[in-house]
Structures are given as structure tokens and as C-alpha cells.
């Protein structure tokens, strides 16, 4: 019954959104046409109707971003982001349609007006409706009754979680479990019998959902109880906190119809990652053009001070250990790798990293190229090819990775970059372990905003000339 109500509510929300967006578009057009000079260029009848019909684009985008799923447990921040994404996407599609069909009303002022009015209207609708629904659920209306299978710490914590969030509209009616001794109550909720009594409990009580909070060694025994719930049409949930993980986030997915539990230890935001890749391409192309005089200057310096190739290609480890050739302007003598074994005692870094401030292998003016990171510029080509990103952990050489501790390998889980957190905060003044911790801090807190912040922090770090 509650599922049917949810489907009905979803359809009513779609109708409400169509009316709201239709009105918002009508208001946008009316405001725009307040400028008397544009009235004669607008065919009011058919064109008004076509713009109001465009409200379906907004509803389709809301549906795409899960705007019609239950918001019982959705935090307000996620709800707002959901609406913003939907309105941005719908406005872009709407603008492309206006441009394609050469609409006389299409310009940036009108598009901005549409964006602001539809965004404001939908945000007000969703937030006010969510507040209203959560208030009535707290008063005991529109709730789901849940039976918890299990009585251990995880089961009791789950019941307390439901109790502390009454606005979710989920009420625990009791517990079932195979306890050795019978008890009357568990944390104030009735103990309703053993797992083998589940059929009787479902027959004699109103149960909308059964949540299994049992130890992982019970997984093989759950099938008959799950099938029993399926037969009587009761939804089943199985808590998945079987593993003591601190970083990975759990997510359910499907592959060929097969349900899969994903434990993600890296950022998984397809839309933002797509924007990050687009930003990489745009910035690398822009800088390759703007900094072409520096490329020419570096080429002349290297040719005047050393024989051999201008560029130096070195095998590096990319995302999850993928090998690729990273390019730099050559700042050392051609046989620098062969000389490295004789200079190990001069290494100034801890851990597997090898670095010498006054490296004797440097060519004349090579230190200058390194000081202002000019030698790193050819890596813009690696960014363009997709082997690197503008922002990300620096790519290590394979022999360094071979000496990593297990926890340090997680810095390879993101695409490597030209700059990262440790370069703008410490810049060669930290130990290798602190360097890795800063990389992991970046991975755990990744966002497009953080990338943009690091890019702007990189510029003064380079101008200070603290590279080696």
C-alpha cells in the first residue's frame, strides 16, 4: 500500500512540477516582453505554447537526477544540489533548442531569467513540501512499520537511528532473533520471537519491511527468510556494514541485471569527473598556446647548454598503476639514469623517493628551468592525452611504487596530475609519508572546487621559485 502511495505521490509531483515550471516560463517570457521594443518580434500564440510545453524538459531532468524518488532520508543539502543540477541541465537543453530553431526571443538575458525563476520556484516547492511531510511524519502519519531481524549491537544501533530520525517516517515495531534465552524487550522494543517464527509474526502484525541486521556468518541462512518475505509481499533490506572499513563508501549497482555491492575508496561523481576532464582539456590547450614562448625559450637554453634531445621521457605509474611515458624538458645530462646509482648516498628524501637539491647531473641553466617548474610544461601534452590531469597526485616511477607500504599505494587510485595539495602547501619541505598523507587527504576530499583552489594556489608557488 505504501509503495502504491509513493508511486501516486511521484506522479502528483510530476504534475505539480509541470505546472510550476510552465508558470515560471510564462512569467519569464512576460518579464522579458515588458521591454516594449521586443513585443513586435514575438508570435504570442504558438510560441507561448511551445515554451510552456518545454516544461517537460525540466521534469525529464528532475527524473534523471532521481528527483521523484522518496525524500524521506534525503538531507536538505543533497535535495538542493539535485534541483540545481536538474535546472542547469534543463536550461542548457532549452537554450540549445531555442538556438537550433532560431527563436527570436533567444538571448543570454532571457536564458538567465528562465534559470533563476525556475530554480527559485522548484527549490521553494521541494523544500517547503519536504518540511511539511517531515513534520506530519514526526506526528505519526504516513509512516512505515519495520521489523528488525537481529538483536546484536548493529541491530540495536539501527533501531536507535530510526528513533532519532522520526522525520524519515520509519517506525521499528520490534525484533526477531535466535536468542538462547527469551527476553521481553530489547531497548524498549518488544522481542517478537525467533527467526523461525517470522511467518507467524508477519501474519499477525502490520509489517511493511523487514531489515536483516545479522552477522555475516548468517548470510548463507538468510535465503528461506528472504523468500518467505517475498511470498507475502514484504520488502526486505539487508544492512551491509559487515566489514570494518573506514574510507570506502558503499553503493549498490547492477551489471547485466545482477545486483552488486560497490565499496568505493575513490571519488565517484561521474558528472563532476566529466567536468574535471573537460577542464583538463581546456586548460592544457590554453596553456600550450599561451606558454609557447616559454617552450621556445626552454628549447634554446637546452640546445645551447647540452647535446642531445630537448625532451626527456620517463616511464611513470598512472591511475591504478597504468604505465605511461611522462614528458619533461631535459634538465640533466643524457646519461643521468646511469649515474643515479653512484649518487644514492646524496638522496635528501625519505622513503622510496630520490631527490637531490644541487644534483650534479644538472646541465647549465637546468636548475633555473626546474626552479620555476618550466621543465614540467611538456606534461600538458600528457594531460591532453588523458594520461594525467591538471590536479592530482604526482606520478611516481615504477621502482618507487615497488617500495611503497600497502597504505601508500592508494595515492595511485586517481589520475596523476601536474600539481597537487602537497606542492602548494609544503613544496618539497615534507617527508615522503607526509607527502602521501596530503595526497590521500586530496583524494578523500576531492571536489571541482578543491581543484580550482589548488590551481590558483599553484601560480604563486611557481612564481616564488621554490622548485628543485
Protein backbone atom coordinates (compact mmCIF):
# COMPACT_ATOMS: atom_id res chain seq x y z
CA UNK A 1 0.00 0.00 0.00
CA UNK A 2 2.76 2.45 0.91
CA UNK A 3 4.55 1.62 -2.35
CA UNK A 4 1.40 2.41 -4.32
CA UNK A 5 1.05 5.66 -2.39
CA UNK A 6 4.68 6.53 -3.21
CA UNK A 7 4.05 5.93 -6.93
CA UNK A 8 0.89 8.09 -6.80
CA UNK A 9 2.80 10.81 -4.93
CA UNK A 10 5.58 10.69 -7.56
CA UNK A 11 3.04 11.22 -10.37
CA UNK A 12 1.40 14.09 -8.48
CA UNK A 13 4.85 15.66 -8.02
CA UNK A 14 5.44 15.47 -11.78
CA UNK A 15 2.13 17.20 -12.48
CA UNK A 16 2.94 19.84 -9.85
CA UNK A 17 6.39 20.42 -11.38
CA UNK A 18 4.90 20.73 -14.89
CA UNK A 19 2.52 23.43 -13.64
CA UNK A 20 5.24 25.24 -11.66
CA UNK A 21 7.80 25.23 -14.48
CA UNK A 22 5.12 26.13 -17.03
CA UNK A 23 4.14 29.13 -14.91
CA UNK A 24 7.81 30.04 -14.37
CA UNK A 25 8.45 30.00 -18.13
CA UNK A 26 5.30 32.09 -18.73
CA UNK A 27 6.46 34.61 -16.08
CA UNK A 28 9.97 34.69 -17.62
CA UNK A 29 8.52 35.45 -21.05
CA UNK A 30 6.19 38.10 -19.61
CA UNK A 31 9.04 39.83 -17.77
CA UNK A 32 11.19 39.73 -20.86
CA UNK A 33 8.41 41.16 -23.03
CA UNK A 34 7.99 44.04 -20.60
CA UNK A 35 10.60 45.68 -22.83
CA UNK A 36 8.18 47.14 -25.41
CA UNK A 37 10.79 47.01 -28.17
CA UNK A 38 10.66 43.21 -28.29
CA UNK A 39 6.87 42.76 -28.41
CA UNK A 40 6.55 43.04 -32.16
CA UNK A 41 9.10 40.24 -32.67
CA UNK A 42 7.14 37.63 -30.67
CA UNK A 43 4.34 35.47 -32.05
CA UNK A 44 2.33 35.20 -28.84
CA UNK A 45 0.04 32.23 -29.54
CA UNK A 46 2.10 29.31 -30.91
CA UNK A 47 5.39 30.44 -29.40
CA UNK A 48 3.92 30.87 -25.91
CA UNK A 49 2.58 27.32 -26.14
CA UNK A 50 5.93 25.88 -27.33
CA UNK A 51 7.77 27.46 -24.38
CA UNK A 52 5.23 26.20 -21.84
CA UNK A 53 5.47 22.74 -23.45
CA UNK A 54 9.24 22.93 -22.73
CA UNK A 55 8.34 22.37 -19.05
CA UNK A 56 8.54 18.66 -19.87
CA UNK A 57 12.31 19.12 -20.30
CA UNK A 58 12.59 20.19 -16.65
CA UNK A 59 10.52 17.21 -15.47
CA UNK A 60 12.68 14.82 -17.55
CA UNK A 61 15.85 16.26 -15.99
CA UNK A 62 14.38 16.01 -12.48
CA UNK A 63 13.54 12.38 -13.18
CA UNK A 64 17.08 11.76 -14.48
CA UNK A 65 18.60 13.15 -11.26
CA UNK A 66 16.26 10.99 -9.06
CA UNK A 67 14.04 13.95 -8.21
CA UNK A 68 10.99 11.71 -7.89
CA UNK A 69 12.38 9.13 -5.50
CA UNK A 70 11.37 9.19 -1.86
CA UNK A 71 12.95 12.08 0.05
CA UNK A 72 12.29 10.57 3.47
CA UNK A 73 16.01 10.23 4.22
CA UNK A 74 17.47 12.77 1.79
CA UNK A 75 19.38 15.60 3.55
CA UNK A 76 18.43 19.14 2.52
CA UNK A 77 21.90 19.77 1.04
CA UNK A 78 21.53 16.82 -1.35
CA UNK A 79 17.98 17.91 -2.22
CA UNK A 80 19.21 21.41 -3.15
CA UNK A 81 22.11 20.05 -5.25
CA UNK A 82 19.65 17.69 -7.00
CA UNK A 83 17.43 20.62 -8.01
CA UNK A 84 20.38 22.82 -9.09
CA UNK A 85 21.79 20.06 -11.33
CA UNK A 86 18.37 19.44 -12.88
CA UNK A 87 17.71 23.12 -13.59
CA UNK A 88 21.20 23.71 -15.04
CA UNK A 89 20.84 20.72 -17.39
CA UNK A 90 17.27 21.65 -18.39
CA UNK A 91 18.24 25.28 -19.04
CA UNK A 92 21.15 24.19 -21.26
CA UNK A 93 18.88 21.84 -23.27
CA UNK A 94 16.21 24.57 -23.51
CA UNK A 95 18.82 27.10 -24.71
CA UNK A 96 20.13 24.69 -27.34
CA UNK A 97 16.56 24.21 -28.57
CA UNK A 98 16.00 27.97 -28.83
CA UNK A 99 19.29 28.39 -30.70
CA UNK A 100 18.66 25.45 -33.05
CA UNK A 101 15.20 26.69 -34.06
CA UNK A 102 16.43 30.28 -34.33
CA UNK A 103 13.95 31.62 -31.78
CA UNK A 104 13.53 35.40 -31.95
CA UNK A 105 13.40 35.65 -28.18
CA UNK A 106 16.68 33.78 -27.57
CA UNK A 107 19.44 35.74 -25.82
CA UNK A 108 21.51 35.50 -22.63
CA UNK A 109 19.20 37.81 -20.63
CA UNK A 110 16.16 35.62 -21.32
CA UNK A 111 18.03 32.36 -20.55
CA UNK A 112 19.32 33.78 -17.24
CA UNK A 113 15.78 34.87 -16.35
CA UNK A 114 14.43 31.38 -17.08
CA UNK A 115 17.19 29.77 -15.00
CA UNK A 116 16.67 31.99 -11.94
CA UNK A 117 12.87 31.83 -11.89
CA UNK A 118 12.60 28.05 -12.45
CA UNK A 119 15.35 27.38 -9.90
CA UNK A 120 13.70 29.59 -7.26
CA UNK A 121 10.25 28.08 -7.88
CA UNK A 122 11.40 24.45 -7.72
CA UNK A 123 13.60 25.00 -4.66
CA UNK A 124 10.73 26.63 -2.78
CA UNK A 125 8.34 23.84 -3.78
CA UNK A 126 10.67 20.99 -2.78
CA UNK A 127 11.94 22.48 0.48
CA UNK A 128 8.51 23.58 1.74
CA UNK A 129 6.96 20.23 0.78
CA UNK A 130 9.79 18.27 2.45
CA UNK A 131 9.45 20.34 5.65
CA UNK A 132 5.67 19.74 5.66
CA UNK A 133 5.94 15.97 5.07
CA UNK A 134 8.63 15.53 7.73
CA UNK A 135 6.52 17.40 10.27
CA UNK A 136 3.48 15.19 9.70
CA UNK A 137 5.65 12.04 9.87
CA UNK A 138 7.00 13.16 13.24
CA UNK A 139 3.38 13.30 14.41
CA UNK A 140 2.86 9.66 13.42
CA UNK A 141 1.27 9.97 9.98
CA UNK A 142 2.49 8.44 6.68
CA UNK A 143 5.00 6.07 8.30
CA UNK A 144 6.34 2.59 7.54
CA UNK A 145 6.45 -0.20 10.09
CA UNK A 146 9.74 -2.08 10.18
CA UNK A 147 10.60 -5.38 11.84
CA UNK A 148 14.30 -5.84 12.65
CA UNK A 149 15.79 -9.32 12.31
CA UNK A 150 18.67 -9.41 14.75
CA UNK A 151 19.31 -8.18 18.27
CA UNK A 152 23.04 -7.55 18.40
CA UNK A 153 24.84 -4.23 18.55
CA UNK A 154 24.27 -3.46 14.85
CA UNK A 155 20.53 -4.19 15.12
CA UNK A 156 20.14 -2.07 18.27
CA UNK A 157 22.11 0.82 16.70
CA UNK A 158 19.87 0.64 13.64
CA UNK A 159 16.74 0.87 15.82
CA UNK A 160 18.22 3.88 17.66
CA UNK A 161 18.99 5.52 14.31
CA UNK A 162 15.35 5.20 13.24
CA UNK A 163 14.19 6.51 16.61
CA UNK A 164 16.41 9.60 16.32
CA UNK A 165 15.09 10.43 12.83
CA UNK A 166 11.32 10.34 13.16
CA UNK A 167 11.04 12.63 10.14
CA UNK A 168 12.00 9.61 7.99
CA UNK A 169 8.63 8.10 8.82
CA UNK A 170 10.06 4.66 9.65
CA UNK A 171 8.95 3.02 12.92
CA UNK A 172 10.56 -0.07 14.46
CA UNK A 173 7.82 -2.35 15.82
CA UNK A 174 10.16 -4.95 17.38
CA UNK A 175 12.88 -7.58 16.95
CA UNK A 176 13.13 -11.24 15.96
CA UNK A 177 16.28 -13.29 16.55
CA UNK A 178 17.56 -16.71 17.66
CA UNK A 179 18.31 -15.75 21.23
CA UNK A 180 19.31 -18.51 23.66
CA UNK A 181 17.09 -17.06 26.36
CA UNK A 182 13.77 -15.40 25.79
CA UNK A 183 13.53 -11.70 26.57
CA UNK A 184 10.52 -9.42 26.73
CA UNK A 185 12.06 -6.23 25.37
CA UNK A 186 15.24 -5.02 23.65
CA UNK A 187 15.97 -1.31 24.21
CA UNK A 188 12.29 -0.68 24.88
CA UNK A 189 11.05 -2.50 21.76
CA UNK A 190 9.24 -5.87 22.02
CA UNK A 191 11.06 -9.12 21.27
CA UNK A 192 8.57 -10.83 18.94
CA UNK A 193 10.08 -14.31 18.62
CA UNK A 194 12.73 -16.42 16.92
CA UNK A 195 13.61 -16.16 13.23
CA UNK A 196 11.65 -19.38 12.64
CA UNK A 197 8.59 -17.54 14.00
CA UNK A 198 8.91 -14.91 11.24
CA UNK A 199 5.97 -16.29 9.25
CA UNK A 200 3.67 -16.05 12.27
CA UNK A 201 4.89 -12.52 13.10
CA UNK A 202 4.18 -11.36 9.53
CA UNK A 203 0.71 -12.93 9.64
CA UNK A 204 -0.28 -11.33 12.95
CA UNK A 205 1.29 -7.86 12.73
CA UNK A 206 1.37 -4.98 10.27
CA UNK A 207 4.86 -5.16 8.79
CA UNK A 208 5.84 -3.09 5.74
CA UNK A 209 9.52 -4.01 5.68
CA UNK A 210 11.94 -6.46 7.32
CA UNK A 211 15.50 -5.28 7.92
CA UNK A 212 18.10 -8.01 8.49
CA UNK A 213 20.90 -6.81 10.81
CA UNK A 214 22.56 -10.18 11.33
CA UNK A 215 26.23 -11.25 11.50
CA UNK A 216 27.89 -12.03 8.13
CA UNK A 217 28.13 -15.74 9.06
CA UNK A 218 24.33 -15.80 8.78
CA UNK A 219 24.32 -14.86 5.06
CA UNK A 220 24.04 -18.49 3.95
CA UNK A 221 20.99 -18.99 6.24
CA UNK A 222 19.01 -15.94 5.10
CA UNK A 223 17.57 -17.32 1.88
CA UNK A 224 14.49 -19.04 3.32
CA UNK A 225 13.55 -15.96 5.36
CA UNK A 226 14.01 -13.64 2.37
CA UNK A 227 11.87 -15.97 0.20
CA UNK A 228 9.20 -16.01 2.93
CA UNK A 229 9.03 -12.19 2.90
CA UNK A 230 8.90 -12.24 -0.90
CA UNK A 231 5.92 -14.62 -0.85
CA UNK A 232 3.88 -12.33 1.39
CA UNK A 233 4.91 -9.14 -0.42
CA UNK A 234 7.02 -7.58 2.33
CA UNK A 235 10.11 -5.60 1.29
CA UNK A 236 13.46 -6.89 2.56
CA UNK A 237 16.53 -4.82 3.42
CA UNK A 238 19.89 -6.28 4.45
CA UNK A 239 22.38 -3.99 6.21
CA UNK A 240 25.78 -4.20 4.55
CA UNK A 241 28.09 -2.98 7.32
CA UNK A 242 29.73 -6.43 7.50
CA UNK A 243 33.26 -5.09 7.10
CA UNK A 244 35.34 -2.79 9.29
CA UNK A 245 36.07 -0.19 6.61
CA UNK A 246 36.90 3.44 7.36
CA UNK A 247 37.33 5.01 3.92
CA UNK A 248 35.27 3.13 1.33
CA UNK A 249 31.69 4.22 0.73
CA UNK A 250 29.11 1.54 -0.09
CA UNK A 251 26.85 1.78 -3.14
CA UNK A 252 24.52 -0.69 -4.83
CA UNK A 253 24.87 -1.15 -8.56
CA UNK A 254 23.77 -3.56 -11.28
CA UNK A 255 25.65 -5.36 -14.03
CA UNK A 256 23.58 -7.31 -16.55
CA UNK A 257 20.69 -7.33 -14.08
CA UNK A 258 22.90 -8.77 -11.33
CA UNK A 259 22.88 -6.64 -8.12
CA UNK A 260 26.39 -5.73 -6.97
CA UNK A 261 27.61 -4.11 -3.76
CA UNK A 262 30.28 -1.49 -4.50
CA UNK A 263 32.72 -0.31 -1.83
CA UNK A 264 34.24 2.85 -3.28
CA UNK A 265 37.53 4.21 -1.92
CA UNK A 266 37.84 6.98 -4.51
CA UNK A 267 35.56 9.81 -5.70
CA UNK A 268 32.64 8.52 -7.79
CA UNK A 269 30.86 11.53 -9.23
CA UNK A 270 30.55 10.84 -12.98
CA UNK A 271 29.22 14.30 -13.84
CA UNK A 272 31.90 16.15 -11.85
CA UNK A 273 34.65 13.85 -13.15
CA UNK A 274 33.44 14.56 -16.69
CA UNK A 275 33.66 18.30 -15.96
CA UNK A 276 37.16 17.75 -14.50
CA UNK A 277 38.26 16.07 -17.75
CA UNK A 278 36.73 18.91 -19.79
CA UNK A 279 38.58 21.41 -17.61
CA UNK A 280 41.84 19.49 -18.13
CA UNK A 281 41.47 19.63 -21.92
CA UNK A 282 40.53 23.33 -21.95
CA UNK A 283 43.34 24.42 -19.58
CA UNK A 284 46.06 22.30 -21.24
CA UNK A 285 45.13 23.62 -24.72
CA UNK A 286 45.01 27.20 -23.45
CA UNK A 287 48.38 26.96 -21.68
CA UNK A 288 50.06 25.19 -24.61
CA UNK A 289 49.15 28.23 -26.72
CA UNK A 290 49.87 30.96 -24.14
CA UNK A 291 53.14 29.43 -22.92
CA UNK A 292 54.52 28.57 -26.38
CA UNK A 293 57.20 31.32 -25.99
CA UNK A 294 58.43 29.50 -22.83
CA UNK A 295 58.62 26.26 -24.82
CA UNK A 296 60.80 28.02 -27.38
CA UNK A 297 62.98 29.62 -24.67
CA UNK A 298 63.50 26.27 -22.89
CA UNK A 299 64.41 24.60 -26.20
CA UNK A 300 67.06 27.26 -26.93
CA UNK A 301 68.51 27.03 -23.39
CA UNK A 302 68.83 23.23 -23.55
CA UNK A 303 70.34 23.26 -27.05
CA UNK A 304 72.90 25.92 -26.09
CA UNK A 305 73.97 24.12 -22.90
CA UNK A 306 73.87 20.43 -23.75
CA UNK A 307 73.96 17.97 -26.61
CA UNK A 308 71.08 15.55 -27.04
CA UNK A 309 67.29 15.63 -27.09
CA UNK A 310 65.32 18.63 -25.82
CA UNK A 311 62.72 16.36 -24.22
CA UNK A 312 63.13 13.62 -21.63
CA UNK A 313 60.59 10.81 -21.49
CA UNK A 314 60.39 8.64 -18.40
CA UNK A 315 58.12 5.70 -17.57
CA UNK A 316 55.72 6.62 -14.77
CA UNK A 317 52.81 4.95 -12.99
CA UNK A 318 49.39 6.44 -13.70
CA UNK A 319 45.96 5.62 -12.30
CA UNK A 320 45.96 2.21 -10.58
CA UNK A 321 49.49 1.51 -11.83
CA UNK A 322 48.95 2.08 -15.59
CA UNK A 323 52.34 2.74 -17.21
CA UNK A 324 52.83 5.74 -19.46
CA UNK A 325 55.67 7.96 -20.68
CA UNK A 326 55.77 11.30 -18.87
CA UNK A 327 57.48 14.10 -20.78
CA UNK A 328 59.68 16.87 -19.39
CA UNK A 329 62.22 19.32 -20.75
CA UNK A 330 65.59 17.65 -20.25
CA UNK A 331 67.48 19.41 -17.45
CA UNK A 332 70.13 16.72 -16.86
CA UNK A 333 72.96 15.17 -18.81
CA UNK A 334 71.85 12.47 -21.31
CA UNK A 335 73.15 9.56 -19.16
CA UNK A 336 71.58 10.80 -15.89
CA UNK A 337 69.84 7.47 -15.15
CA UNK A 338 73.12 5.54 -15.39
CA UNK A 339 74.76 7.94 -12.92
CA UNK A 340 71.95 7.68 -10.36
CA UNK A 341 73.33 4.56 -8.63
CA UNK A 342 76.53 6.48 -7.79
CA UNK A 343 74.56 9.27 -6.11
CA UNK A 344 72.20 7.29 -3.85
CA UNK A 345 74.14 8.41 -0.76
CA UNK A 346 73.25 12.05 -1.57
CA UNK A 347 69.47 11.46 -1.58
CA UNK A 348 67.73 14.09 0.58
CA UNK A 349 64.29 12.46 0.67
CA UNK A 350 62.99 9.75 2.99
CA UNK A 351 61.16 6.68 1.70
CA UNK A 352 61.39 5.48 -1.91
CA UNK A 353 61.68 8.97 -3.48
CA UNK A 354 65.04 10.11 -4.89
CA UNK A 355 65.78 13.84 -4.93
CA UNK A 356 68.93 15.98 -4.60
CA UNK A 357 68.68 19.76 -4.33
CA UNK A 358 72.02 20.50 -6.02
CA UNK A 359 72.06 17.50 -8.34
CA UNK A 360 75.49 17.24 -10.07
CA UNK A 361 73.81 15.77 -13.16
CA UNK A 362 72.05 19.06 -13.97
CA UNK A 363 73.09 20.84 -17.16
CA UNK A 364 73.95 24.58 -17.03
CA UNK A 365 70.71 26.57 -16.60
CA UNK A 366 68.93 23.28 -15.80
CA UNK A 367 68.38 24.43 -12.21
CA UNK A 368 66.74 27.62 -13.50
CA UNK A 369 64.26 25.58 -15.58
CA UNK A 370 63.45 23.49 -12.52
CA UNK A 371 63.25 26.44 -10.12
CA UNK A 372 60.17 27.84 -11.89
CA UNK A 373 58.83 24.41 -12.99
CA UNK A 374 59.37 25.24 -16.68
CA UNK A 375 60.74 21.71 -17.16
CA UNK A 376 57.26 20.33 -16.30
CA UNK A 377 55.43 22.15 -19.13
CA UNK A 378 55.55 19.26 -21.68
CA UNK A 379 53.29 17.32 -19.29
CA UNK A 380 50.45 19.45 -20.64
CA UNK A 381 50.62 17.01 -23.58
CA UNK A 382 50.15 14.11 -21.14
CA UNK A 383 47.11 15.93 -19.76
CA UNK A 384 45.71 16.41 -23.26
CA UNK A 385 46.14 12.67 -23.97
CA UNK A 386 44.29 11.75 -20.76
CA UNK A 387 47.29 10.14 -19.05
CA UNK A 388 47.43 12.94 -16.47
CA UNK A 389 45.21 15.66 -15.04
CA UNK A 390 45.97 19.28 -14.15
CA UNK A 391 45.42 18.47 -10.46
CA UNK A 392 46.22 15.09 -8.92
CA UNK A 393 48.96 13.18 -7.06
CA UNK A 394 52.31 13.37 -8.84
CA UNK A 395 53.07 10.20 -10.89
CA UNK A 396 55.85 8.05 -9.37
CA UNK A 397 58.38 5.90 -11.24
CA UNK A 398 57.70 2.12 -11.07
CA UNK A 399 60.71 1.34 -8.85
CA UNK A 400 59.40 3.78 -6.21
CA UNK A 401 56.00 2.06 -6.24
CA UNK A 402 57.68 -1.32 -5.66
CA UNK A 403 58.89 0.03 -2.30
CA UNK A 404 55.57 1.53 -1.20
CA UNK A 405 53.90 0.37 2.00
CA UNK A 406 50.42 -1.03 1.40
CA UNK A 407 48.56 2.12 2.56
CA UNK A 408 50.71 4.34 0.33
CA UNK A 409 49.52 2.64 -2.87
CA UNK A 410 46.14 4.35 -2.59
CA UNK A 411 47.71 7.54 -3.94
CA UNK A 412 47.65 5.77 -7.31
CA UNK A 413 43.84 5.47 -7.23
CA UNK A 414 43.29 8.82 -9.01
CA UNK A 415 44.68 10.05 -12.32
CA UNK A 416 48.05 11.73 -11.58
CA UNK A 417 48.44 15.47 -12.01
CA UNK A 418 50.77 18.38 -12.67
CA UNK A 419 50.10 19.86 -9.24
CA UNK A 420 48.51 18.72 -6.00
CA UNK A 421 47.90 19.65 -2.40
CA UNK A 422 51.40 18.93 -1.09
CA UNK A 423 53.01 21.10 -3.80
CA UNK A 424 51.04 24.20 -2.87
CA UNK A 425 51.16 23.72 0.91
CA UNK A 426 54.61 22.27 1.53
CA UNK A 427 56.55 22.34 -1.81
CA UNK A 428 59.42 19.87 -1.15
CA UNK A 429 59.53 20.61 2.61
CA UNK A 430 57.79 17.47 3.85
CA UNK A 431 58.79 13.87 4.40
CA UNK A 432 57.57 11.24 1.95
CA UNK A 433 54.99 9.95 4.46
CA UNK A 434 53.52 13.44 4.95
CA UNK A 435 53.57 13.90 1.17
CA UNK A 436 51.47 10.73 0.75
CA UNK A 437 49.10 11.76 3.56
CA UNK A 438 48.46 15.07 1.79
CA UNK A 439 47.76 13.17 -1.45
CA UNK A 440 45.28 10.92 0.38
CA UNK A 441 43.67 13.96 2.00
CA UNK A 442 43.16 15.34 -1.50
CA UNK A 443 41.62 12.06 -2.72
CA UNK A 444 39.27 11.77 0.28
CA UNK A 445 38.06 15.38 -0.04
CA UNK A 446 38.11 15.74 -3.81
CA UNK A 447 35.77 18.21 -5.50
CA UNK A 448 35.94 20.52 -8.50
CA UNK A 449 36.11 23.44 -6.09
CA UNK A 450 39.22 21.98 -4.44
CA UNK A 451 40.85 21.51 -7.87
CA UNK A 452 40.20 25.15 -8.79
CA UNK A 453 41.56 26.31 -5.41
CA UNK A 454 44.77 24.27 -5.90
CA UNK A 455 45.24 25.66 -9.43
CA UNK A 456 45.07 29.24 -8.12
CA UNK A 457 47.42 28.36 -5.22
CA UNK A 458 49.92 26.79 -7.66
CA UNK A 459 50.59 30.02 -9.55
CA UNK A 460 52.21 31.94 -6.63
CA UNK A 461 54.02 28.74 -5.55
CA UNK A 462 55.68 28.59 -9.00
CA UNK A 463 56.46 32.32 -9.07
CA UNK A 464 58.23 32.01 -5.70
CA UNK A 465 60.67 29.68 -7.45
CA UNK A 466 60.84 27.01 -4.77
CA UNK A 467 61.04 24.02 -7.13
CA UNK A 468 64.18 21.87 -7.29
